[in-house]
């Protein structure tokens, strides 16, 4: 009899623990150099660690971008980060019909044309014509450079390579994501490139993007509440450093 009671208690405990674990919101984050990593310690890692300390319950899984998209598409109870609802629906066609909710914004990101300095006078897409350009290998020039009669086009695997190509004057213009390209320049001790007026992806505030469920709405409400405190305390700036645009009235680089 006692053995049966022990087994019953173990079963109840296991069920309770399992239900608590399953109640945690799964967030699929993608590994982003200088921003988010599997090992932790980068800007967004520090933010999520702080959110955990403050009582936000979640299961953060940092994976490659392609795997993030695949997992988020399959798991209709989950969230993804960093992203934004407009960006997800524009760049990933299969997500256009999904019912999605986004958190309040964190920092401004976007894809911009960059030059060595401000002497190039690039103020519009038309000004890119006749220029030698380099861009990240994951970007499709048929989408981002449509209508641009460029002199030449190179593609590079990462921000570091793009910056080296620009600093050595192998190309006149690079297309880089902000603030990633600035963080890479700082890491390489290369002078910060000049941000032109040409944004290939307009600046948007990054969000946590979730499938629209009751539990995810509750998660986003708590996330937003905690973020207000993190932002007002100055911790968000501490985590993100000076090169990230937080849209908070402080000095910005883009």
Foldseek 3Di string as FASTA:
>chain_A
DVVVVVVVVVVVVVVVVVVVLVLAAEEEEEDDPQADDPVADHLVSVVVVVVVVVPQGHHYDYYHPVVSVVVQVVDQFHWYDFDDPVRCVVVPVVCVPFAKDWADFFFKKFKFKWFQDDPLPDAELASQAQWEEEEAPVDDCCLQNPPHNYPYYHHDPDLLVRLVCRVVVVTGIYIDMPPSNVSSCVVVVHPGIATYNYTSTDIDGTTIMHGDDPSVVVSSVSVNVVVVVCVVVCVSCVSNDDAIGRVPPDDYRD
